[in-house]
Amino acid sequence: MTHPVGETLQAATVIAKTTQTLIGKEIACGGYEFVTLFFVYTKGDETGLKIVPSFMQSSGGTSYPYATNTDTGGAKTLTDTSLTLTASKTSYMTFDVRGVAYIKFTQGGSSNDGTPTGTLAASYTMK
C-alpha cells in the first residue's frame, strides 16, 4: 500500500526478524519543527513489529533514543519511546524536532519467533 502524503521512506517491505533495521534513510530536520511518520503495517506470521525513533546531531552520528519525561511524586524518569504493534495498523506519529539535526526510524520484529512475513510501508512529512 502506498501513502497519499509525504515523501516515501520505504515501500511495503518484509520486516526484519531480530535486529532494528533502518526504515529508508535519515531525515535532515534543519529548519523544521515537526516530522510526522505515516506507516502501514500488515501483520504476517510474526508476533508483531517495533518502530524506534532516534535523534542524531550529525548524519551517521551517535543515535539518541526519543525519550519522554514523566514526573511521579517529584521524581523525574526518562523512558525511551518505541511503538510496538501486534496487529495490522495504518497510523502516524509526530515528533518535535526543534534543535535536532537528524531523525531516523528503525523497524524490527517485536519477538524472535517465526519467520516474519508482515510488511511495513512508511512515508513522512515535515512542518
C-alpha atoms as a PDB file:
ATOM      1  CA  MET A   1       0.000   0.000   0.000  1.00  0.00           C
ATOM      2  CA  THR A   2       1.271   3.493  -0.757  1.00  0.00           C
ATOM      3  CA  HIS A   3       0.778   6.678   1.210  1.00  0.00           C
ATOM      4  CA  PRO A   4      -1.250   9.635  -0.046  1.00  0.00           C
ATOM      5  CA  VAL A   5       1.047  12.214   1.577  1.00  0.00           C
ATOM      6  CA  GLY A   6       4.704  12.967   2.111  1.00  0.00           C
ATOM      7  CA  GLU A   7       7.938  11.551   0.882  1.00  0.00           C
ATOM      8  CA  THR A   8       8.289   7.779   0.781  1.00  0.00           C
ATOM      9  CA  LEU A   9      10.795   6.320   3.220  1.00  0.00           C
ATOM     10  CA  GLN A  10      10.113   2.696   2.389  1.00  0.00           C
ATOM     11  CA  ALA A  11       7.738   0.889   0.046  1.00  0.00           C
ATOM     12  CA  ALA A  12       5.994  -2.134   1.574  1.00  0.00           C
ATOM     13  CA  THR A  13       8.915  -4.332   2.667  1.00  0.00           C
ATOM     14  CA  VAL A  14       9.049  -7.511   4.766  1.00  0.00           C
ATOM     15  CA  ILE A  15      10.094  -6.567   8.300  1.00  0.00           C
ATOM     16  CA  ALA A  16      13.387  -7.607   9.895  1.00  0.00           C
ATOM     17  CA  LYS A  17      13.272 -10.540  12.308  1.00  0.00           C
ATOM     18  CA  THR A  18      15.624  -9.799  15.187  1.00  0.00           C
ATOM     19  CA  THR A  19      17.509  -6.550  14.612  1.00  0.00           C
ATOM     20  CA  GLN A  20      16.300  -2.982  14.270  1.00  0.00           C
ATOM     21  CA  THR A  21      16.780  -2.037  10.606  1.00  0.00           C
ATOM     22  CA  LEU A  22      16.736   1.493   9.186  1.00  0.00           C
ATOM     23  CA  ILE A  23      13.454   2.499   7.555  1.00  0.00           C
ATOM     24  CA  GLY A  24      14.555   4.246   4.392  1.00  0.00           C
ATOM     25  CA  LYS A  25      17.020   6.986   5.307  1.00  0.00           C
ATOM     26  CA  GLU A  26      17.985   9.530   7.932  1.00  0.00           C
ATOM     27  CA  ILE A  27      15.861  12.671   7.694  1.00  0.00           C
ATOM     28  CA  ALA A  28      17.559  16.099   7.893  1.00  0.00           C
ATOM     29  CA  CYS A  29      15.479  18.268  10.240  1.00  0.00           C
ATOM     30  CA  GLY A  30      17.199  21.663   9.906  1.00  0.00           C
ATOM     31  CA  GLY A  31      14.649  24.481   9.792  1.00  0.00           C
ATOM     32  CA  TYR A  32      11.669  22.264  10.604  1.00  0.00           C
ATOM     33  CA  GLU A  33       9.736  21.926  13.852  1.00  0.00           C
ATOM     34  CA  PHE A  34       7.924  18.626  13.399  1.00  0.00           C
ATOM     35  CA  VAL A  35       8.303  15.362  11.484  1.00  0.00           C
ATOM     36  CA  THR A  36       5.301  13.094  11.068  1.00  0.00           C
ATOM     37  CA  LEU A  37       5.885   9.428  10.215  1.00  0.00           C
ATOM     38  CA  PHE A  38       3.000   7.737   8.394  1.00  0.00           C
ATOM     39  CA  PHE A  39       3.044   3.954   8.243  1.00  0.00           C
ATOM     40  CA  VAL A  40       1.110   0.924   7.079  1.00  0.00           C
ATOM     41  CA  TYR A  41       1.897  -2.329   8.891  1.00  0.00           C
ATOM     42  CA  THR A  42       0.377  -5.517   7.513  1.00  0.00           C
ATOM     43  CA  LYS A  43       0.831  -8.282  10.079  1.00  0.00           C
ATOM     44  CA  GLY A  44       2.174 -11.623   8.946  1.00  0.00           C
ATOM     45  CA  ASP A  45       3.342 -14.728  10.853  1.00  0.00           C
ATOM     46  CA  GLU A  46       5.457 -12.655  13.277  1.00  0.00           C
ATOM     47  CA  THR A  47       4.279 -11.698  16.791  1.00  0.00           C
ATOM     48  CA  GLY A  48       4.499  -8.011  15.963  1.00  0.00           C
ATOM     49  CA  LEU A  49       6.555  -5.030  14.888  1.00  0.00           C
ATOM     50  CA  LYS A  50       8.561  -2.461  16.833  1.00  0.00           C
ATOM     51  CA  ILE A  51       9.285   1.008  15.396  1.00  0.00           C
ATOM     52  CA  VAL A  52      12.005   3.004  17.190  1.00  0.00           C
ATOM     53  CA  PRO A  53      12.704   6.730  16.602  1.00  0.00           C
ATOM     54  CA  SER A  54      16.214   8.131  17.250  1.00  0.00           C
ATOM     55  CA  PHE A  55      17.781  11.591  17.008  1.00  0.00           C
ATOM     56  CA  MET A  56      21.287  12.457  15.789  1.00  0.00           C
ATOM     57  CA  GLN A  57      23.310  15.655  15.739  1.00  0.00           C
ATOM     58  CA  SER A  58      25.200  14.635  12.581  1.00  0.00           C
ATOM     59  CA  SER A  59      24.459  12.314   9.686  1.00  0.00           C
ATOM     60  CA  GLY A  60      25.627   8.820  10.582  1.00  0.00           C
ATOM     61  CA  GLY A  61      26.489  10.026  14.087  1.00  0.00           C
ATOM     62  CA  THR A  62      25.556   8.702  17.507  1.00  0.00           C
ATOM     63  CA  SER A  63      21.857   7.844  17.827  1.00  0.00           C
ATOM     64  CA  TYR A  64      19.951   9.107  20.841  1.00  0.00           C
ATOM     65  CA  PRO A  65      16.611   7.476  21.605  1.00  0.00           C
ATOM     66  CA  TYR A  66      13.494   9.624  21.590  1.00  0.00           C
ATOM     67  CA  ALA A  67      12.537   9.744  25.261  1.00  0.00           C
ATOM     68  CA  THR A  68       9.575  11.018  27.242  1.00  0.00           C
ATOM     69  CA  ASN A  69       9.816  12.588  30.678  1.00  0.00           C
ATOM     70  CA  THR A  70       7.371  11.592  33.423  1.00  0.00           C
ATOM     71  CA  ASP A  71       7.056  13.094  36.879  1.00  0.00           C
ATOM     72  CA  THR A  72       5.847  10.782  39.636  1.00  0.00           C
ATOM     73  CA  GLY A  73       5.816  12.213  43.119  1.00  0.00           C
ATOM     74  CA  GLY A  74       8.598  14.673  42.269  1.00  0.00           C
ATOM     75  CA  ALA A  75      10.870  12.025  40.751  1.00  0.00           C
ATOM     76  CA  LYS A  76      11.521  12.525  37.041  1.00  0.00           C
ATOM     77  CA  THR A  77      12.010   9.489  34.828  1.00  0.00           C
ATOM     78  CA  LEU A  78      13.137   9.377  31.191  1.00  0.00           C
ATOM     79  CA  THR A  79      11.694   6.490  29.193  1.00  0.00           C
ATOM     80  CA  ASP A  80      12.843   5.570  25.682  1.00  0.00           C
ATOM     81  CA  THR A  81       9.918   5.658  23.265  1.00  0.00           C
ATOM     82  CA  SER A  82       9.043   2.956  20.773  1.00  0.00           C
ATOM     83  CA  LEU A  83       5.870   1.750  19.142  1.00  0.00           C
ATOM     84  CA  THR A  84       5.010  -1.945  19.285  1.00  0.00           C
ATOM     85  CA  LEU A  85       2.262  -3.226  17.005  1.00  0.00           C
ATOM     86  CA  THR A  86       0.712  -6.685  17.301  1.00  0.00           C
ATOM     87  CA  ALA A  87      -1.955  -6.298  14.604  1.00  0.00           C
ATOM     88  CA  SER A  88      -2.191  -4.664  11.182  1.00  0.00           C
ATOM     89  CA  LYS A  89      -2.346  -0.893  11.543  1.00  0.00           C
ATOM     90  CA  THR A  90      -2.355   2.259   9.435  1.00  0.00           C
ATOM     91  CA  SER A  91      -1.372   5.239  11.557  1.00  0.00           C
ATOM     92  CA  TYR A  92       1.124   8.047  12.209  1.00  0.00           C
ATOM     93  CA  MET A  93       3.387   9.535  14.888  1.00  0.00           C
ATOM     94  CA  THR A  94       4.540  13.173  15.126  1.00  0.00           C
ATOM     95  CA  PHE A  95       7.891  14.210  16.636  1.00  0.00           C
ATOM     96  CA  ASP A  96       9.141  17.605  17.813  1.00  0.00           C
ATOM     97  CA  VAL A  97      12.497  18.069  16.048  1.00  0.00           C
ATOM     98  CA  ARG A  98      13.315  21.657  17.076  1.00  0.00           C
ATOM     99  CA  GLY A  99      17.051  21.789  17.742  1.00  0.00           C
ATOM    100  CA  VAL A 100      17.654  18.339  16.251  1.00  0.00           C
ATOM    101  CA  ALA A 101      19.783  17.857  13.133  1.00  0.00           C
ATOM    102  CA  TYR A 102      18.557  14.387  12.031  1.00  0.00           C
ATOM    103  CA  ILE A 103      15.911  11.829  12.943  1.00  0.00           C
ATOM    104  CA  LYS A 104      15.766   8.205  11.852  1.00  0.00           C
ATOM    105  CA  PHE A 105      13.338   5.362  12.344  1.00  0.00           C
ATOM    106  CA  THR A 106      14.183   1.680  12.640  1.00  0.00           C
ATOM    107  CA  GLN A 107      11.930  -1.363  12.496  1.00  0.00           C
ATOM    108  CA  GLY A 108      12.209  -4.954  13.600  1.00  0.00           C
ATOM    109  CA  GLY A 109      10.206  -7.885  14.878  1.00  0.00           C
ATOM    110  CA  SER A 110       8.952  -7.476  18.440  1.00  0.00           C
ATOM    111  CA  SER A 111       9.898 -11.087  19.207  1.00  0.00           C
ATOM    112  CA  ASN A 112      12.339 -13.643  17.815  1.00  0.00           C
ATOM    113  CA  ASP A 113       9.663 -16.136  16.850  1.00  0.00           C
ATOM    114  CA  GLY A 114       8.831 -17.444  13.414  1.00  0.00           C
ATOM    115  CA  THR A 115       9.804 -16.037  10.059  1.00  0.00           C
ATOM    116  CA  PRO A 116       8.389 -12.555   9.501  1.00  0.00           C
ATOM    117  CA  THR A 117       6.046 -12.263   6.546  1.00  0.00           C
ATOM    118  CA  GLY A 118       4.478  -8.943   7.565  1.00  0.00           C
ATOM    119  CA  THR A 119       5.283  -5.749   5.697  1.00  0.00           C
ATOM    120  CA  LEU A 120       5.857  -2.116   6.588  1.00  0.00           C
ATOM    121  CA  ALA A 121       5.460   0.880   4.286  1.00  0.00           C
ATOM    122  CA  ALA A 122       6.391   4.348   5.574  1.00  0.00           C
ATOM    123  CA  SER A 123       6.466   7.967   4.471  1.00  0.00           C
ATOM    124  CA  TYR A 124       6.915  11.317   6.214  1.00  0.00           C
ATOM    125  CA  THR A 125       6.074  14.997   6.112  1.00  0.00           C
ATOM    126  CA  MET A 126       7.804  17.955   7.750  1.00  0.00           C
ATOM    127  CA  LYS A 127       6.475  21.229   9.043  1.00  0.00           C
END
